[in-house]
PDB file of N, CA and C in Angstrom:
ATOM      1  N   MET A   1     -47.932   0.658  16.932  1.00  0.00           N
ATOM      2  CA  MET A   1     -48.626   1.782  16.351  1.00  0.00           C
ATOM      3  C   MET A   1     -47.692   2.994  16.360  1.00  0.00           C
ATOM      4  N   ARG A   2     -47.574   3.651  15.237  1.00  0.00           N
ATOM      5  CA  ARG A   2     -46.724   4.834  15.124  1.00  0.00           C
ATOM      6  C   ARG A   2     -47.577   6.089  15.236  1.00  0.00           C
ATOM      7  N   THR A   3     -47.045   7.077  15.947  1.00  0.00           N
ATOM      8  CA  THR A   3     -47.742   8.341  16.143  1.00  0.00           C
ATOM      9  C   THR A   3     -46.966   9.453  15.439  1.00  0.00           C
ATOM     10  N   PRO A   4     -47.600  10.173  14.518  1.00  0.00           N
ATOM     11  CA  PRO A   4     -46.906  11.300  13.881  1.00  0.00           C
ATOM     12  C   PRO A   4     -46.536  12.338  14.941  1.00  0.00           C
ATOM     13  N   MET A   5     -45.274  12.750  14.949  1.00  0.00           N
ATOM     14  CA  MET A   5     -44.829  13.731  15.939  1.00  0.00           C
ATOM     15  C   MET A   5     -43.524  14.365  15.472  1.00  0.00           C
ATOM     16  N   ARG A   6     -43.437  15.666  15.612  1.00  0.00           N
ATOM     17  CA  ARG A   6     -42.217  16.379  15.236  1.00  0.00           C
ATOM     18  C   ARG A   6     -41.506  16.841  16.505  1.00  0.00           C
ATOM     19  N   LEU A   7     -40.390  16.164  16.793  1.00  0.00           N
ATOM     20  CA  LEU A   7     -39.559  16.491  17.947  1.00  0.00           C
ATOM     21  C   LEU A   7     -38.138  16.733  17.469  1.00  0.00           C
ATOM     22  N   THR A   8     -37.409  17.598  18.148  1.00  0.00           N
ATOM     23  CA  THR A   8     -36.015  17.870  17.800  1.00  0.00           C
ATOM     24  C   THR A   8     -35.128  16.717  18.249  1.00  0.00           C
ATOM     25  N   VAL A   9     -34.289  16.239  17.327  1.00  0.00           N
ATOM     26  CA  VAL A   9     -33.380  15.124  17.585  1.00  0.00           C
ATOM     27  C   VAL A   9     -31.957  15.560  17.290  1.00  0.00           C
ATOM     28  N   SER A  10     -31.037  15.220  18.173  1.00  0.00           N
ATOM     29  CA  SER A  10     -29.594  15.352  17.925  1.00  0.00           C
ATOM     30  C   SER A  10     -29.022  13.951  18.022  1.00  0.00           C
ATOM     31  N   TYR A  11     -28.040  13.656  17.175  1.00  0.00           N
ATOM     32  CA  TYR A  11     -27.460  12.318  17.235  1.00  0.00           C
ATOM     33  C   TYR A  11     -25.967  12.358  16.949  1.00  0.00           C
ATOM     34  N   ALA A  12     -25.283  11.340  17.447  1.00  0.00           N
ATOM     35  CA  ALA A  12     -23.861  11.129  17.175  1.00  0.00           C
ATOM     36  C   ALA A  12     -23.711   9.689  16.717  1.00  0.00           C
ATOM     37  N   ILE A  13     -22.939   9.489  15.655  1.00  0.00           N
ATOM     38  CA  ILE A  13     -22.673   8.140  15.184  1.00  0.00           C
ATOM     39  C   ILE A  13     -21.561   7.571  16.051  1.00  0.00           C
ATOM     40  N   VAL A  14     -21.866   6.483  16.776  1.00  0.00           N
ATOM     41  CA  VAL A  14     -20.917   5.884  17.703  1.00  0.00           C
ATOM     42  C   VAL A  14     -19.656   5.448  16.944  1.00  0.00           C
ATOM     43  N   GLY A  15     -18.497   5.787  17.514  1.00  0.00           N
ATOM     44  CA  GLY A  15     -17.223   5.414  16.914  1.00  0.00           C
ATOM     45  C   GLY A  15     -16.711   6.395  15.889  1.00  0.00           C
ATOM     46  N   THR A  16     -17.451   7.507  15.679  1.00  0.00           N
ATOM     47  CA  THR A  16     -17.025   8.551  14.743  1.00  0.00           C
ATOM     48  C   THR A  16     -17.197   9.903  15.433  1.00  0.00           C
ATOM     49  N   LYS A  17     -16.835  10.933  14.742  1.00  0.00           N
ATOM     50  CA  LYS A  17     -17.063  12.288  15.252  1.00  0.00           C
ATOM     51  C   LYS A  17     -18.223  12.955  14.520  1.00  0.00           C
ATOM     52  N   LYS A  18     -19.010  12.172  13.785  1.00  0.00           N
ATOM     53  CA  LYS A  18     -20.135  12.715  13.013  1.00  0.00           C
ATOM     54  C   LYS A  18     -21.326  12.989  13.922  1.00  0.00           C
ATOM     55  N   LEU A  19     -21.829  14.210  13.823  1.00  0.00           N
ATOM     56  CA  LEU A  19     -22.991  14.656  14.586  1.00  0.00           C
ATOM     57  C   LEU A  19     -24.062  15.122  13.609  1.00  0.00           C
ATOM     58  N   GLY A  20     -25.321  15.069  14.030  1.00  0.00           N
ATOM     59  CA  GLY A  20     -26.397  15.550  13.176  1.00  0.00           C
ATOM     60  C   GLY A  20     -27.583  16.008  13.990  1.00  0.00           C
ATOM     61  N   LYS A  21     -28.466  16.751  13.327  1.00  0.00           N
ATOM     62  CA  LYS A  21     -29.717  17.219  13.925  1.00  0.00           C
ATOM     63  C   LYS A  21     -30.832  16.966  12.932  1.00  0.00           C
ATOM     64  N   SER A  22     -32.028  16.762  13.469  1.00  0.00           N
ATOM     65  CA  SER A  22     -33.173  16.495  12.616  1.00  0.00           C
ATOM     66  C   SER A  22     -34.459  16.699  13.406  1.00  0.00           C
ATOM     67  N   LEU A  23     -35.572  16.388  12.768  1.00  0.00           N
ATOM     68  CA  LEU A  23     -36.877  16.345  13.421  1.00  0.00           C
ATOM     69  C   LEU A  23     -37.458  14.959  13.206  1.00  0.00           C
ATOM     70  N   THR A  24     -38.108  14.423  14.229  1.00  0.00           N
ATOM     71  CA  THR A  24     -38.765  13.134  14.055  1.00  0.00           C
ATOM     72  C   THR A  24     -39.940  13.307  13.107  1.00  0.00           C
ATOM     73  N   THR A  25     -40.285  12.214  12.427  1.00  0.00           N
ATOM     74  CA  THR A  25     -41.516  12.210  11.631  1.00  0.00           C
ATOM     75  C   THR A  25     -42.598  11.436  12.366  1.00  0.00           C
ATOM     76  N   ASN A  26     -42.156  10.400  13.139  1.00  0.00           N
ATOM     77  CA  ASN A  26     -43.102   9.672  13.973  1.00  0.00           C
ATOM     78  C   ASN A  26     -42.344   8.918  15.050  1.00  0.00           C
ATOM     79  N   ILE A  27     -43.102   8.474  16.067  1.00  0.00           N
ATOM     80  CA  ILE A  27     -42.505   7.714  17.170  1.00  0.00           C
ATOM     81  C   ILE A  27     -43.423   6.542  17.503  1.00  0.00           C
ATOM     82  N   SER A  28     -42.851   5.538  18.175  1.00  0.00           N
ATOM     83  CA  SER A  28     -43.642   4.407  18.662  1.00  0.00           C
ATOM     84  C   SER A  28     -42.937   3.830  19.875  1.00  0.00           C
ATOM     85  N   GLY A  29     -43.518   2.822  20.473  1.00  0.00           N
ATOM     86  CA  GLY A  29     -42.893   2.160  21.608  1.00  0.00           C
ATOM     87  C   GLY A  29     -41.595   1.459  21.236  1.00  0.00           C
ATOM     88  N   GLY A  30     -41.418   1.166  19.954  1.00  0.00           N
ATOM     89  CA  GLY A  30     -40.229   0.463  19.496  1.00  0.00           C
ATOM     90  C   GLY A  30     -39.170   1.328  18.859  1.00  0.00           C
ATOM     91  N   GLY A  31     -39.441   2.619  18.695  1.00  0.00           N
ATOM     92  CA  GLY A  31     -38.420   3.462  18.086  1.00  0.00           C
ATOM     93  C   GLY A  31     -38.942   4.795  17.591  1.00  0.00           C
ATOM     94  N   ILE A  32     -38.029   5.510  16.943  1.00  0.00           N
ATOM     95  CA  ILE A  32     -38.363   6.809  16.358  1.00  0.00           C
ATOM     96  C   ILE A  32     -37.919   6.806  14.903  1.00  0.00           C
ATOM     97  N   ARG A  33     -38.553   7.633  14.108  1.00  0.00           N
ATOM     98  CA  ARG A  33     -38.152   7.794  12.710  1.00  0.00           C
ATOM     99  C   ARG A  33     -37.800   9.250  12.488  1.00  0.00           C
ATOM    100  N   PHE A  34     -36.632   9.462  11.880  1.00  0.00           N
ATOM    101  CA  PHE A  34     -36.228  10.811  11.500  1.00  0.00           C
ATOM    102  C   PHE A  34     -35.361  10.737  10.260  1.00  0.00           C
ATOM    103  N   LEU A  35     -35.294  11.817   9.530  1.00  0.00           N
ATOM    104  CA  LEU A  35     -34.450  11.901   8.344  1.00  0.00           C
ATOM    105  C   LEU A  35     -33.099  12.450   8.778  1.00  0.00           C
ATOM    106  N   ALA A  36     -32.050  11.659   8.587  1.00  0.00           N
ATOM    107  CA  ALA A  36     -30.716  12.015   9.064  1.00  0.00           C
ATOM    108  C   ALA A  36     -29.955  12.850   8.036  1.00  0.00           C
ATOM    109  N   GLU A  37     -28.976  13.597   8.535  1.00  0.00           N
ATOM    110  CA  GLU A  37     -28.092  14.385   7.669  1.00  0.00           C
ATOM    111  C   GLU A  37     -27.053  13.508   6.992  1.00  0.00           C
ATOM    112  N   HIS A  38     -26.835  12.316   7.511  1.00  0.00           N
ATOM    113  CA  HIS A  38     -25.828  11.387   6.992  1.00  0.00           C
ATOM    114  C   HIS A  38     -26.502  10.129   6.465  1.00  0.00           C
ATOM    115  N   VAL A  39     -25.819   9.423   5.581  1.00  0.00           N
ATOM    116  CA  VAL A  39     -26.286   8.099   5.170  1.00  0.00           C
ATOM    117  C   VAL A  39     -25.995   7.148   6.327  1.00  0.00           C
ATOM    118  N   LEU A  40     -27.020   6.497   6.827  1.00  0.00           N
ATOM    119  CA  LEU A  40     -26.883   5.598   7.973  1.00  0.00           C
ATOM    120  C   LEU A  40     -27.294   4.194   7.549  1.00  0.00           C
ATOM    121  N   GLU A  41     -26.365   3.288   7.585  1.00  0.00           N
ATOM    122  CA  GLU A  41     -26.631   1.899   7.209  1.00  0.00           C
ATOM    123  C   GLU A  41     -27.321   1.163   8.365  1.00  0.00           C
ATOM    124  N   PRO A  42     -28.177   0.186   8.038  1.00  0.00           N
ATOM    125  CA  PRO A  42     -28.770  -0.629   9.100  1.00  0.00           C
ATOM    126  C   PRO A  42     -27.679  -1.217   9.998  1.00  0.00           C
ATOM    127  N   GLY A  43     -27.935  -1.180  11.302  1.00  0.00           N
ATOM    128  CA  GLY A  43     -26.973  -1.676  12.272  1.00  0.00           C
ATOM    129  C   GLY A  43     -26.083  -0.591  12.863  1.00  0.00           C
ATOM    130  N   THR A  44     -26.047   0.599  12.236  1.00  0.00           N
ATOM    131  CA  THR A  44     -25.244   1.705  12.753  1.00  0.00           C
ATOM    132  C   THR A  44     -25.750   2.095  14.142  1.00  0.00           C
ATOM    133  N   GLN A  45     -24.840   2.216  15.078  1.00  0.00           N
ATOM    134  CA  GLN A  45     -25.216   2.576  16.447  1.00  0.00           C
ATOM    135  C   GLN A  45     -25.160   4.095  16.606  1.00  0.00           C
ATOM    136  N   LEU A  46     -26.180   4.652  17.258  1.00  0.00           N
ATOM    137  CA  LEU A  46     -26.299   6.097  17.456  1.00  0.00           C
ATOM    138  C   LEU A  46     -26.512   6.427  18.923  1.00  0.00           C
ATOM    139  N   GLU A  47     -25.926   7.547  19.353  1.00  0.00           N
ATOM    140  CA  GLU A  47     -26.277   8.160  20.629  1.00  0.00           C
ATOM    141  C   GLU A  47     -27.276   9.255  20.278  1.00  0.00           C
ATOM    142  N   VAL A  48     -28.485   9.158  20.825  1.00  0.00           N
ATOM    143  CA  VAL A  48     -29.581  10.033  20.420  1.00  0.00           C
ATOM    144  C   VAL A  48     -30.068  10.862  21.601  1.00  0.00           C
ATOM    145  N   SER A  49     -30.431  12.099  21.314  1.00  0.00           N
ATOM    146  CA  SER A  49     -31.006  13.005  22.302  1.00  0.00           C
ATOM    147  C   SER A  49     -32.283  13.585  21.688  1.00  0.00           C
ATOM    148  N   VAL A  50     -33.415  13.421  22.381  1.00  0.00           N
ATOM    149  CA  VAL A  50     -34.708  13.897  21.885  1.00  0.00           C
ATOM    150  C   VAL A  50     -35.286  14.891  22.877  1.00  0.00           C
ATOM    151  N   ARG A  51     -35.729  16.020  22.372  1.00  0.00           N
ATOM    152  CA  ARG A  51     -36.369  17.039  23.219  1.00  0.00           C
ATOM    153  C   ARG A  51     -37.869  16.807  23.247  1.00  0.00           C
ATOM    154  N   LEU A  52     -38.396  16.550  24.443  1.00  0.00           N
ATOM    155  CA  LEU A  52     -39.836  16.372  24.625  1.00  0.00           C
ATOM    156  C   LEU A  52     -40.427  17.672  25.151  1.00  0.00           C
ATOM    157  N   PRO A  53     -41.639  18.008  24.709  1.00  0.00           N
ATOM    158  CA  PRO A  53     -42.214  19.311  25.075  1.00  0.00           C
ATOM    159  C   PRO A  53     -42.469  19.498  26.565  1.00  0.00           C
ATOM    160  N   ASP A  54     -42.652  18.413  27.315  1.00  0.00           N
ATOM    161  CA  ASP A  54     -42.990  18.542  28.735  1.00  0.00           C
ATOM    162  C   ASP A  54     -41.791  18.324  29.664  1.00  0.00           C
ATOM    163  N   ARG A  55     -40.570  18.297  29.114  1.00  0.00           N
ATOM    164  CA  ARG A  55     -39.373  18.072  29.934  1.00  0.00           C
ATOM    165  C   ARG A  55     -38.352  19.172  29.693  1.00  0.00           C
ATOM    166  N   SER A  56     -37.663  19.554  30.765  1.00  0.00           N
ATOM    167  CA  SER A  56     -36.644  20.600  30.627  1.00  0.00           C
ATOM    168  C   SER A  56     -35.343  20.039  30.053  1.00  0.00           C
ATOM    169  N   LYS A  57     -35.069  18.750  30.289  1.00  0.00           N
ATOM    170  CA  LYS A  57     -33.856  18.122  29.773  1.00  0.00           C
ATOM    171  C   LYS A  57     -34.226  17.104  28.699  1.00  0.00           C
ATOM    172  N   PRO A  58     -33.376  16.941  27.699  1.00  0.00           N
ATOM    173  CA  PRO A  58     -33.675  15.955  26.652  1.00  0.00           C
ATOM    174  C   PRO A  58     -33.573  14.522  27.172  1.00  0.00           C
ATOM    175  N   VAL A  59     -34.278  13.625  26.517  1.00  0.00           N
ATOM    176  CA  VAL A  59     -34.187  12.193  26.791  1.00  0.00           C
ATOM    177  C   VAL A  59     -33.033  11.669  25.942  1.00  0.00           C
ATOM    178  N   ARG A  60     -32.115  10.921  26.561  1.00  0.00           N
ATOM    179  CA  ARG A  60     -30.949  10.401  25.858  1.00  0.00           C
ATOM    180  C   ARG A  60     -30.947   8.892  25.887  1.00  0.00           C
ATOM    181  N   PHE A  61     -30.529   8.303  24.777  1.00  0.00           N
ATOM    182  CA  PHE A  61     -30.446   6.838  24.692  1.00  0.00           C
ATOM    183  C   PHE A  61     -29.502   6.443  23.563  1.00  0.00           C
ATOM    184  N   VAL A  62     -29.101   5.186  23.584  1.00  0.00           N
ATOM    185  CA  VAL A  62     -28.314   4.607  22.496  1.00  0.00           C
ATOM    186  C   VAL A  62     -29.235   3.680  21.733  1.00  0.00           C
ATOM    187  N   GLY A  63     -29.191   3.783  20.407  1.00  0.00           N
ATOM    188  CA  GLY A  63     -30.032   2.942  19.556  1.00  0.00           C
ATOM    189  C   GLY A  63     -29.262   2.538  18.313  1.00  0.00           C
ATOM    190  N   ARG A  64     -29.932   1.783  17.461  1.00  0.00           N
ATOM    191  CA  ARG A  64     -29.295   1.389  16.215  1.00  0.00           C
ATOM    192  C   ARG A  64     -30.279   1.580  15.067  1.00  0.00           C
ATOM    193  N   VAL A  65     -29.719   1.820  13.899  1.00  0.00           N
ATOM    194  CA  VAL A  65     -30.525   2.013  12.688  1.00  0.00           C
ATOM    195  C   VAL A  65     -31.093   0.661  12.278  1.00  0.00           C
ATOM    196  N   VAL A  66     -32.398   0.625  12.037  1.00  0.00           N
ATOM    197  CA  VAL A  66     -33.038  -0.615  11.628  1.00  0.00           C
ATOM    198  C   VAL A  66     -33.232  -0.638  10.111  1.00  0.00           C
ATOM    199  N   TRP A  67     -33.718   0.441   9.525  1.00  0.00           N
ATOM    200  CA  TRP A  67     -33.867   0.525   8.069  1.00  0.00           C
ATOM    201  C   TRP A  67     -33.813   1.945   7.603  1.00  0.00           C
TER     202      TRP A  67
END
């Protein structure tokens, strides 16, 4: 189940120096959706940082583009 939510996202494309910022459109237990500043092909690995409203530090993780 996806939940509509707007959270600030920063990302880095692994293996490059490309960085971007965006807002999520929705989140779920399996991932997040956001509109990226770059064209991201499925399988692209990202280092992601998400700001949650109830935390002072962002949540960081590595993920990959699914679609």
